[in-house]
C-alpha atoms as a PDB file:
ATOM      1  CA  MET A   1      19.704 325.033 185.548  1.00  0.00           C
ATOM      2  CA  PHE A   2      21.191 325.480 182.082  1.00  0.00           C
ATOM      3  CA  LEU A   3      19.073 328.409 180.922  1.00  0.00           C
ATOM      4  CA  SER A   4      19.788 330.370 184.098  1.00  0.00           C
ATOM      5  CA  LYS A   5      23.502 330.186 183.362  1.00  0.00           C
ATOM      6  CA  ASN A   6      23.181 331.476 179.821  1.00  0.00           C
ATOM      7  CA  VAL A   7      22.993 335.108 180.961  1.00  0.00           C
ATOM      8  CA  LEU A   8      24.622 338.103 179.314  1.00  0.00           C
ATOM      9  CA  LEU A   9      26.915 340.232 181.407  1.00  0.00           C
ATOM     10  CA  ASN A  10      25.622 343.725 182.141  1.00  0.00           C
ATOM     11  CA  GLU A  11      26.881 346.211 179.504  1.00  0.00           C
ATOM     12  CA  ALA A  12      28.052 348.700 182.135  1.00  0.00           C
ATOM     13  CA  VAL A  13      30.132 345.963 183.786  1.00  0.00           C
ATOM     14  CA  GLU A  14      31.661 345.007 180.439  1.00  0.00           C
ATOM     15  CA  ALA A  15      32.444 348.665 179.704  1.00  0.00           C
ATOM     16  CA  ALA A  16      34.054 349.103 183.135  1.00  0.00           C
ATOM     17  CA  LEU A  17      36.277 346.047 182.626  1.00  0.00           C
ATOM     18  CA  TYR A  18      37.156 346.827 179.009  1.00  0.00           C
ATOM     19  CA  SER A  19      38.108 350.390 180.022  1.00  0.00           C
ATOM     20  CA  TYR A  20      41.387 349.001 181.361  1.00  0.00           C
ATOM     21  CA  ILE A  21      42.665 348.107 177.869  1.00  0.00           C
ATOM     22  CA  ASN A  22      45.803 350.161 177.111  1.00  0.00           C
ATOM     23  CA  MET A  23      45.974 351.452 180.672  1.00  0.00           C
ATOM     24  CA  SER A  24      49.341 351.852 182.373  1.00  0.00           C
ATOM     25  CA  ILE A  25      49.697 351.376 186.114  1.00  0.00           C
ATOM     26  CA  ASP A  26      52.499 352.439 188.427  1.00  0.00           C
ATOM     27  CA  ILE A  27      53.490 349.617 190.732  1.00  0.00           C
ATOM     28  CA  ASN A  28      55.968 349.078 193.519  1.00  0.00           C
ATOM     29  CA  GLU A  29      59.298 348.297 191.885  1.00  0.00           C
ATOM     30  CA  ASN A  30      59.683 345.222 194.125  1.00  0.00           C
ATOM     31  CA  ALA A  31      56.275 343.854 193.137  1.00  0.00           C
ATOM     32  CA  GLY A  32      56.181 340.292 191.886  1.00  0.00           C
ATOM     33  CA  GLN A  33      53.657 338.629 189.622  1.00  0.00           C
ATOM     34  CA  ARG A  34      51.138 337.969 192.449  1.00  0.00           C
ATOM     35  CA  GLN A  35      51.304 341.567 193.727  1.00  0.00           C
ATOM     36  CA  ILE A  36      50.812 342.933 190.193  1.00  0.00           C
ATOM     37  CA  ALA A  37      47.830 340.626 189.721  1.00  0.00           C
ATOM     38  CA  ASP A  38      46.362 341.800 193.039  1.00  0.00           C
ATOM     39  CA  VAL A  39      46.702 345.470 192.043  1.00  0.00           C
ATOM     40  CA  ILE A  40      44.989 344.874 188.684  1.00  0.00           C
ATOM     41  CA  GLU A  41      42.245 342.704 190.195  1.00  0.00           C
ATOM     42  CA  ASN A  42      41.545 345.194 193.004  1.00  0.00           C
ATOM     43  CA  MET A  43      41.253 348.102 190.556  1.00  0.00           C
ATOM     44  CA  MET A  44      38.837 346.178 188.353  1.00  0.00           C
ATOM     45  CA  VAL A  45      36.771 344.963 191.300  1.00  0.00           C
ATOM     46  CA  GLU A  46      36.492 348.548 192.610  1.00  0.00           C
ATOM     47  CA  SER A  47      35.245 349.755 189.222  1.00  0.00           C
ATOM     48  CA  VAL A  48      32.490 347.096 189.154  1.00  0.00           C
ATOM     49  CA  VAL A  49      31.531 347.818 192.791  1.00  0.00           C
ATOM     50  CA  LYS A  50      31.162 351.531 191.917  1.00  0.00           C
ATOM     51  CA  ILE A  51      28.391 350.660 189.454  1.00  0.00           C
ATOM     52  CA  GLY A  52      26.535 348.287 191.772  1.00  0.00           C
ATOM     53  CA  GLY A  53      28.694 345.178 191.942  1.00  0.00           C
ATOM     54  CA  LYS A  54      29.344 343.322 195.179  1.00  0.00           C
ATOM     55  CA  GLU A  55      32.560 342.063 196.661  1.00  0.00           C
ATOM     56  CA  PRO A  56      32.420 338.493 197.996  1.00  0.00           C
ATOM     57  CA  LYS A  57      31.639 337.967 201.664  1.00  0.00           C
ATOM     58  CA  SER A  58      34.249 335.228 201.993  1.00  0.00           C
ATOM     59  CA  VAL A  59      37.735 334.558 200.642  1.00  0.00           C
ATOM     60  CA  ARG A  60      36.647 331.063 199.565  1.00  0.00           C
ATOM     61  CA  THR A  61      34.333 332.209 196.803  1.00  0.00           C
ATOM     62  CA  ILE A  62      34.523 331.603 193.091  1.00  0.00           C
ATOM     63  CA  GLU A  63      34.233 335.241 192.142  1.00  0.00           C
ATOM     64  CA  ASP A  64      36.343 338.339 192.679  1.00  0.00           C
ATOM     65  CA  VAL A  65      33.173 340.416 192.252  1.00  0.00           C
ATOM     66  CA  SER A  66      29.540 339.815 191.319  1.00  0.00           C
ATOM     67  CA  PHE A  67      26.892 341.865 189.587  1.00  0.00           C
ATOM     68  CA  ASP A  68      23.307 340.821 190.148  1.00  0.00           C
ATOM     69  CA  ASP A  69      23.691 337.032 190.254  1.00  0.00           C
ATOM     70  CA  VAL A  70      26.585 336.873 187.786  1.00  0.00           C
ATOM     71  CA  LEU A  71      29.953 335.811 189.221  1.00  0.00           C
ATOM     72  CA  ILE A  72      33.060 337.460 187.731  1.00  0.00           C
ATOM     73  CA  ASP A  73      36.516 335.959 188.259  1.00  0.00           C
ATOM     74  CA  ILE A  74      39.478 338.057 187.129  1.00  0.00           C
ATOM     75  CA  LYS A  75      42.534 336.194 185.810  1.00  0.00           C
ATOM     76  CA  THR A  76      45.721 338.082 184.965  1.00  0.00           C
ATOM     77  CA  ARG A  77      48.589 336.993 182.755  1.00  0.00           C
ATOM     78  CA  ASP A  78      52.000 338.502 182.053  1.00  0.00           C
ATOM     79  CA  ILE A  79      52.197 338.025 178.280  1.00  0.00           C
ATOM     80  CA  ASN A  80      56.003 338.198 178.344  1.00  0.00           C
ATOM     81  CA  ARG A  81      56.161 334.980 180.356  1.00  0.00           C
ATOM     82  CA  ASP A  82      55.505 331.495 179.071  1.00  0.00           C
ATOM     83  CA  PHE A  83      51.812 330.653 179.113  1.00  0.00           C
ATOM     84  CA  SER A  84      50.886 328.837 182.276  1.00  0.00           C
ATOM     85  CA  MET A  85      47.613 327.016 182.703  1.00  0.00           C
ATOM     86  CA  PRO A  86      45.527 329.010 185.152  1.00  0.00           C
ATOM     87  CA  ASN A  87      43.167 327.152 187.438  1.00  0.00           C
ATOM     88  CA  LEU A  88      39.622 328.272 186.720  1.00  0.00           C
ATOM     89  CA  ILE A  89      37.400 326.329 189.122  1.00  0.00           C
ATOM     90  CA  SER A  90      37.011 322.927 190.699  1.00  0.00           C
ATOM     91  CA  ILE A  91      34.658 320.814 188.634  1.00  0.00           C
ATOM     92  CA  LYS A  92      32.648 319.983 191.769  1.00  0.00           C
ATOM     93  CA  ARG A  93      32.023 323.683 192.518  1.00  0.00           C
ATOM     94  CA  LEU A  94      31.266 324.361 188.864  1.00  0.00           C
ATOM     95  CA  LYS A  95      28.670 321.610 188.778  1.00  0.00           C
ATOM     96  CA  LYS A  96      27.001 322.872 191.985  1.00  0.00           C
ATOM     97  CA  THR A  97      27.017 326.598 191.167  1.00  0.00           C
ATOM     98  CA  PRO A  98      23.656 327.833 189.875  1.00  0.00           C
ATOM     99  CA  ASN A  99      25.073 331.272 188.984  1.00  0.00           C
ATOM    100  CA  PRO A 100      26.529 332.265 185.627  1.00  0.00           C
ATOM    101  CA  ILE A 101      30.331 332.533 185.762  1.00  0.00           C
ATOM    102  CA  TYR A 102      32.285 334.994 183.655  1.00  0.00           C
ATOM    103  CA  TYR A 103      36.045 335.125 183.440  1.00  0.00           C
ATOM    104  CA  CYS A 104      37.806 338.389 182.803  1.00  0.00           C
ATOM    105  CA  PHE A 105      41.208 337.499 181.329  1.00  0.00           C
ATOM    106  CA  VAL A 106      43.638 340.414 181.585  1.00  0.00           C
ATOM    107  CA  ASP A 107      46.814 340.388 179.474  1.00  0.00           C
ATOM    108  CA  TYR A 108      49.529 342.706 180.746  1.00  0.00           C
ATOM    109  CA  TYR A 109      53.244 343.228 180.459  1.00  0.00           C
ATOM    110  CA  ILE A 110      55.837 344.973 182.559  1.00  0.00           C
ATOM    111  CA  ASP A 111      56.956 348.050 180.671  1.00  0.00           C
ATOM    112  CA  GLU A 112      60.642 348.607 180.006  1.00  0.00           C
ATOM    113  CA  ASN A 113      60.209 351.725 182.170  1.00  0.00           C
ATOM    114  CA  TYR A 114      59.676 349.472 185.187  1.00  0.00           C
ATOM    115  CA  PRO A 115      57.839 349.826 187.580  1.00  0.00           C
ATOM    116  CA  LEU A 116      55.111 350.485 185.010  1.00  0.00           C
ATOM    117  CA  VAL A 117      52.642 347.768 184.019  1.00  0.00           C
ATOM    118  CA  HIS A 118      50.719 348.082 180.765  1.00  0.00           C
ATOM    119  CA  ILE A 119      47.381 346.276 180.272  1.00  0.00           C
ATOM    120  CA  GLU A 120      47.345 345.181 176.656  1.00  0.00           C
ATOM    121  CA  ASN A 121      44.021 343.395 176.425  1.00  0.00           C
ATOM    122  CA  VAL A 122      40.945 342.226 178.322  1.00  0.00           C
ATOM    123  CA  HIS A 123      38.822 339.248 177.274  1.00  0.00           C
ATOM    124  CA  ILE A 124      35.500 338.577 178.991  1.00  0.00           C
ATOM    125  CA  ARG A 125      34.073 335.109 178.511  1.00  0.00           C
ATOM    126  CA  ASN A 126      31.271 333.083 180.029  1.00  0.00           C
ATOM    127  CA  ILE A 127      32.701 329.727 181.118  1.00  0.00           C
ATOM    128  CA  GLU A 128      30.281 327.867 178.827  1.00  0.00           C
ATOM    129  CA  SER A 129      31.488 329.843 175.803  1.00  0.00           C
ATOM    130  CA  ILE A 130      35.040 328.446 176.044  1.00  0.00           C
ATOM    131  CA  ASP A 131      35.540 325.425 173.822  1.00  0.00           C
ATOM    132  CA  TRP A 132      36.647 322.198 175.463  1.00  0.00           C
ATOM    133  CA  SER A 133      39.738 322.142 173.223  1.00  0.00           C
ATOM    134  CA  ALA A 134      41.035 324.976 175.449  1.00  0.00           C
ATOM    135  CA  LEU A 135      40.089 323.324 178.748  1.00  0.00           C
ATOM    136  CA  LYS A 136      41.386 320.367 180.696  1.00  0.00           C
ATOM    137  CA  ILE A 137      40.538 318.736 184.012  1.00  0.00           C
ATOM    138  CA  GLN A 138      43.715 318.361 186.068  1.00  0.00           C
ATOM    139  CA  ASN A 139      44.761 316.507 189.230  1.00  0.00           C
ATOM    140  CA  LEU A 140      44.125 319.136 191.875  1.00  0.00           C
ATOM    141  CA  GLY A 141      41.640 318.103 194.540  1.00  0.00           C
ATOM    142  CA  LEU A 142      38.730 316.272 192.960  1.00  0.00           C
ATOM    143  CA  GLY A 143      39.468 317.796 189.567  1.00  0.00           C
ATOM    144  CA  GLN A 144      40.369 321.351 188.642  1.00  0.00           C
ATOM    145  CA  LEU A 145      39.297 322.928 185.367  1.00  0.00           C
ATOM    146  CA  GLN A 146      42.290 324.621 183.763  1.00  0.00           C
ATOM    147  CA  LEU A 147      42.752 326.770 180.704  1.00  0.00           C
ATOM    148  CA  VAL A 148      45.269 325.154 178.326  1.00  0.00           C
ATOM    149  CA  ASP A 149      44.856 327.490 175.331  1.00  0.00           C
ATOM    150  CA  ASP A 150      44.823 331.244 175.787  1.00  0.00           C
ATOM    151  CA  SER A 151      43.281 331.853 172.359  1.00  0.00           C
ATOM    152  CA  LEU A 152      39.909 331.081 173.998  1.00  0.00           C
ATOM    153  CA  PRO A 153      38.185 329.325 171.079  1.00  0.00           C
ATOM    154  CA  LEU A 154      34.398 329.578 171.094  1.00  0.00           C
ATOM    155  CA  TYR A 155      32.186 326.639 172.020  1.00  0.00           C
ATOM    156  CA  ASN A 156      29.547 326.457 169.318  1.00  0.00           C
ATOM    157  CA  ASN A 157      26.961 324.198 170.945  1.00  0.00           C
ATOM    158  CA  SER A 158      24.346 324.815 173.629  1.00  0.00           C
ATOM    159  CA  VAL A 159      24.960 325.387 177.327  1.00  0.00           C
ATOM    160  CA  LYS A 160      23.353 321.988 177.997  1.00  0.00           C
ATOM    161  CA  ASP A 161      25.838 320.389 175.571  1.00  0.00           C
ATOM    162  CA  TRP A 162      28.711 322.151 177.347  1.00  0.00           C
ATOM    163  CA  TYR A 163      27.623 320.638 180.674  1.00  0.00           C
ATOM    164  CA  ASP A 164      27.121 317.236 179.048  1.00  0.00           C
ATOM    165  CA  ASP A 165      30.741 317.524 177.873  1.00  0.00           C
ATOM    166  CA  LEU A 166      31.772 318.486 181.406  1.00  0.00           C
ATOM    167  CA  ASP A 167      30.165 315.279 182.668  1.00  0.00           C
ATOM    168  CA  LYS A 168      31.889 313.221 179.962  1.00  0.00           C
ATOM    169  CA  TYR A 169      35.333 314.715 180.666  1.00  0.00           C
ATOM    170  CA  ALA A 170      34.850 314.446 184.438  1.00  0.00           C
ATOM    171  CA  ILE A 171      34.052 310.734 184.159  1.00  0.00           C
ATOM    172  CA  GLU A 172      37.114 310.208 181.935  1.00  0.00           C
ATOM    173  CA  PHE A 173      39.208 312.073 184.526  1.00  0.00           C
ATOM    174  CA  PHE A 174      37.811 309.973 187.395  1.00  0.00           C
ATOM    175  CA  GLU A 175      38.462 306.739 185.463  1.00  0.00           C
ATOM    176  CA  LYS A 176      42.116 307.773 184.943  1.00  0.00           C
ATOM    177  CA  GLN A 177      42.383 308.632 188.635  1.00  0.00           C
ATOM    178  CA  ILE A 178      41.018 305.211 189.613  1.00  0.00           C
ATOM    179  CA  ILE A 179      43.621 303.483 187.417  1.00  0.00           C
ATOM    180  CA  LYS A 180      46.365 305.715 188.813  1.00  0.00           C
ATOM    181  CA  PHE A 181      45.398 305.026 192.436  1.00  0.00           C
ATOM    182  CA  GLU A 182      44.991 301.270 191.840  1.00  0.00           C
ATOM    183  CA  LYS A 183      48.542 301.242 190.474  1.00  0.00           C
ATOM    184  CA  MET A 184      49.785 303.303 193.442  1.00  0.00           C
ATOM    185  CA  LYS A 185      48.033 300.902 195.833  1.00  0.00           C
ATOM    186  CA  LYS A 186      49.691 297.853 194.208  1.00  0.00           C
ATOM    187  CA  ASN A 187      53.098 299.543 194.285  1.00  0.00           C
ATOM    188  CA  TRP A 188      52.600 300.506 197.930  1.00  0.00           C
ATOM    189  CA  VAL A 189      51.740 296.981 199.023  1.00  0.00           C
ATOM    190  CA  SER A 190      54.613 295.419 197.037  1.00  0.00           C
ATOM    191  CA  GLN A 191      57.290 297.627 198.622  1.00  0.00           C
END
């Protein structure tokens, strides 16, 4: 399982995604953050599909687009807003997914000549290359992996070690949840 995930992203796919750096996009002047993200994501997905990528068959997939067996999830961020922790993937789905997962982080800002959006940077990272200091398991569903540091520090150990750390942090998360729910149960009964 671990070796199959340690796959490099196709160079043509990387080039297509990186080609958006320094691009400006006209948007609807009433567009909000979600609509801007959708425009950027759709453009990037189309560029990967043009070179052989595939759009997902369902809306409940991990990826926005795939190439061969590599899943690519595009995450956008308005760099003029406070950093918010984007949800990456549920830890249950991550553990079950045999495919490599790459995240394409797109930094953009709304130009002073609104409605123009400028893409400042694109970072492409395999999930297992992101150090655990930048990740946290949060209380959504059965545990949601979130990005807590947008500097994306590199994980310097093996893919197997990364998944061993996932197991360790998941168990810590579950233990905290058990304590939290035991306390909620006691409080519920004593009301």
